[in-house]
Every structure is written in C-alpha cells, then in structure tokens.
Protein backbone atom coordinates (compact mmCIF):
# COMPACT_ATOMS: atom_id res chain seq x y z
CA MET A 1 -44.38 210.27 70.80
CA LYS A 2 -43.85 210.34 74.51
CA ARG A 3 -46.33 207.58 74.93
CA ARG A 4 -44.52 205.35 72.53
CA ASN A 5 -41.21 205.79 74.36
CA LYS A 6 -42.87 204.74 77.63
CA ALA A 7 -44.29 201.66 75.95
CA LEU A 8 -40.87 200.71 74.60
CA SER A 9 -39.22 201.15 77.98
CA ILE A 10 -41.88 198.96 79.65
CA GLU A 11 -41.34 196.29 77.01
CA TRP A 12 -37.59 196.39 77.62
CA LEU A 13 -38.10 196.16 81.38
CA LEU A 14 -40.32 193.10 80.90
CA ILE A 15 -37.74 191.50 78.59
CA ILE A 16 -34.98 192.14 81.12
CA ALA A 17 -37.13 190.75 83.97
CA VAL A 18 -37.89 187.59 81.98
CA GLY A 19 -34.18 187.25 81.16
CA VAL A 20 -33.23 187.54 84.83
CA VAL A 21 -35.82 184.91 85.84
CA ILE A 22 -34.66 182.51 83.12
CA SER A 23 -31.02 183.06 84.13
CA ALA A 24 -31.85 182.37 87.79
CA ILE A 25 -33.64 179.15 86.81
CA LEU A 26 -30.68 178.01 84.68
CA ILE A 27 -28.20 178.79 87.46
CA THR A 28 -30.33 176.86 89.98
CA VAL A 29 -30.54 173.85 87.66
CA PHE A 30 -26.76 173.96 87.13
CA ILE A 31 -26.06 174.13 90.88
CA MET A 32 -28.39 171.18 91.52
CA ALA A 33 -26.65 169.16 88.79
CA VAL A 34 -23.24 169.89 90.32
CA LYS A 35 -24.47 168.82 93.78
CA ARG A 36 -25.87 165.57 92.37
CA ALA A 37 -22.63 164.87 90.54
CA ARG A 38 -20.62 165.53 93.69
CA LYS A 39 -22.84 163.18 95.72
CA SER A 40 -22.37 160.41 93.18
CA VAL A 41 -18.59 160.89 93.00
CA GLU A 42 -17.85 161.13 96.76
CA PRO A 43 -18.36 157.40 97.53
CA ALA A 44 -16.05 156.46 94.66
CA MET A 45 -13.39 158.90 95.90
CA GLU A 46 -13.62 157.50 99.44
CA GLU A 47 -13.36 153.96 98.10
CA MET A 48 -10.31 154.88 96.03
CA SER A 49 -8.65 156.49 99.07
CA ALA A 50 -9.33 153.41 101.17
CA ALA A 51 -7.98 151.15 98.42
CA GLY A 52 -4.84 153.28 98.16
CA ALA A 53 -4.29 153.13 101.91
CA ALA A 54 -4.85 149.37 101.89
CA LEU A 55 -2.29 148.94 99.11
CA LYS A 56 0.22 151.06 101.01
CA ASP A 57 -0.39 149.02 104.17
CA ALA A 58 -0.23 145.75 102.23
CA ASN A 59 3.24 146.69 101.00
CA LEU A 60 4.32 147.42 104.57
CA ALA A 61 2.79 144.14 105.76
CA SER A 62 4.88 142.21 103.24
CA TYR A 63 7.94 142.88 105.44
CA ASN A 64 6.47 140.88 108.35
CA GLY A 65 8.97 138.22 109.45
CA GLU A 66 11.66 139.51 107.08
CA GLU A 67 15.17 140.59 107.95
CA VAL A 68 16.28 144.01 106.70
CA THR A 69 19.34 146.22 107.09
CA GLY A 70 19.47 149.40 109.14
CA GLU A 71 19.51 151.43 105.93
CA ASP A 72 16.28 149.69 104.89
CA VAL A 73 14.77 150.54 108.28
CA ARG A 74 15.62 154.22 107.78
CA ASN A 75 14.13 154.14 104.28
CA LEU A 76 10.95 152.43 105.46
CA LEU A 77 10.52 154.93 108.29
CA ALA A 78 10.96 157.80 105.84
CA LYS A 79 8.63 156.26 103.26
CA TYR A 80 5.74 155.39 105.56
CA LEU A 81 5.95 158.41 107.87
CA ASP A 82 6.64 161.03 105.20
CA ASP A 83 3.00 162.18 105.04
CA TYR A 84 2.79 162.75 108.81
CA SER A 85 4.22 165.68 110.73
CA GLY A 86 3.41 167.70 113.85
CA THR A 87 -0.09 166.89 115.07
CA TYR A 88 -0.82 164.65 112.06
CA THR A 89 0.30 161.21 113.17
CA ALA A 90 0.37 157.94 111.30
CA PRO A 91 -2.37 155.41 112.06
CA TYR A 92 0.36 153.01 113.19
CA THR A 93 3.46 153.26 115.35
CA MET A 94 6.85 152.22 114.06
CA SER A 95 9.27 151.22 116.81
CA VAL A 96 12.96 150.48 116.50
CA ASN A 97 15.02 148.52 119.02
CA ASN A 98 18.58 149.36 117.97
CA GLY A 99 20.20 147.16 120.63
CA THR A 100 20.64 150.09 123.03
CA SER A 101 17.08 151.32 123.44
CA THR A 102 13.67 151.26 121.81
CA SER A 103 12.33 154.37 120.08
CA SER A 104 8.84 154.85 118.68
CA TYR A 105 7.97 156.98 115.66
CA ASN A 106 4.58 158.04 114.29
CA THR A 107 5.65 161.24 112.49
CA ARG A 108 8.65 162.16 110.37
CA ASP A 109 9.73 164.86 112.84
CA ASN A 110 12.44 162.87 114.69
CA LEU A 111 13.71 160.72 111.81
CA SER A 112 16.90 162.80 111.45
CA LYS A 113 18.03 161.41 114.83
CA THR A 114 18.28 157.93 113.29
CA LYS A 115 21.33 159.14 111.31
CA ASP A 116 23.07 160.89 114.22
CA ALA A 117 25.76 158.52 115.52
CA SER A 118 26.22 160.64 118.67
CA ASP A 119 22.62 159.88 119.73
CA ALA A 120 22.92 156.23 120.81
CA ASP A 121 19.23 155.95 121.73
CA HIS A 122 17.98 156.72 118.21
CA TYR A 123 20.89 155.90 115.92
CA ILE A 124 20.29 153.10 113.43
CA LYS A 125 23.50 151.54 112.19
CA PRO A 126 23.10 151.15 108.39
CA ASN A 127 24.67 147.70 108.06
CA ARG A 128 23.06 146.11 111.14
CA LEU A 129 20.34 143.51 110.56
CA PHE A 130 16.83 144.02 111.95
CA GLY A 131 13.89 141.64 112.22
CA VAL A 132 10.49 143.07 111.24
CA SER A 133 7.25 142.33 113.07
CA VAL A 134 3.89 143.74 111.91
CA THR A 135 1.00 143.79 114.40
CA ARG A 136 -2.63 144.05 113.28
CA ASN A 137 -5.82 144.75 115.22
CA ALA A 138 -9.04 142.70 115.07
CA ASN A 139 -10.10 144.52 111.89
CA GLY A 140 -6.87 143.57 110.13
CA GLU A 141 -5.49 147.11 110.19
CA ILE A 142 -1.80 147.60 110.94
CA VAL A 143 -1.33 149.15 114.39
CA SER A 144 2.42 148.79 114.81
CA VAL A 145 5.59 147.78 113.03
CA SER A 146 8.58 146.78 115.11
CA PHE A 147 12.19 146.56 113.99
CA THR A 148 14.43 144.61 116.36
CA ALA A 149 18.20 144.51 116.07
CA ARG A 150 19.67 141.03 115.62
C-alpha cells in the first residue's frame, strides 16, 4: 500500500507541474496580446489628442481680427489657460494690453488679477472693447494671442 500512495503523489505532482506550465504559457500569451493591442491603439490615441488640440486651437484662431469685450477676454483667458498651472504652461502666450500696460499669461495662476480693479496693470475692464490678434509660427501652430484695448 505504501507504494501505491507514492505513485499517486508522483502523479499529482506531475499534474500540478503540467498545470503550472500551461498556466504560465497562457499568461505569457495574454500579456503579449495586451502589448500588441496597446501598440496598435497608441497611434490612434495620439492622433485623437492632436486632433482635439487642433480643434481647440482652431476655435481660438477664429477670434483673429475680431473685436471682443473685456468680459470676453477674461472668459477666453480662463477657457484656454484652465488646463495649465504652475510649471505646466500653455503652448502659446496670451497677452493683454489694457491701455495702461501689457501683461502676458501662459498659466491660469494670475488670472484673478484681471478682476482686481485696484491692480491697474492687470485689470481688464469688462465693458471695454479689445482687438484680437492671433500669431502663428511656420508650422501653423498658434504661438501667441494678443488682446489690445481700443
């Protein structure tokens, strides 16, 4: 009887070893499939991000040559600089000449100053009219947007 128990335990060990090997092969195949799927999806994700950025920039470019109010200037600054703060700066600079001085913004950090009437250098009067000028580089990317008081 002892011999039979040893034979059964060896059979079970072989079955477990085969199960472990098959599991390892299945896991490896699954990991390779996930890597392939990720490689095929990454270019599409990058293209979608670029298309989204281009659409956002295209909307900003539509203001070129237009005349907007100070409230619109504040809203545009908030809208297009909302994603940028601290060391993360926008790919373009937005400058405002409020008639007193010119201020440049490429993050949302100082936008609260545009509503502070006691800060004449940054204050944007809500009902004042501003001309918009969009500047592009050689690649057609927006590098700056200027708002000039009229």
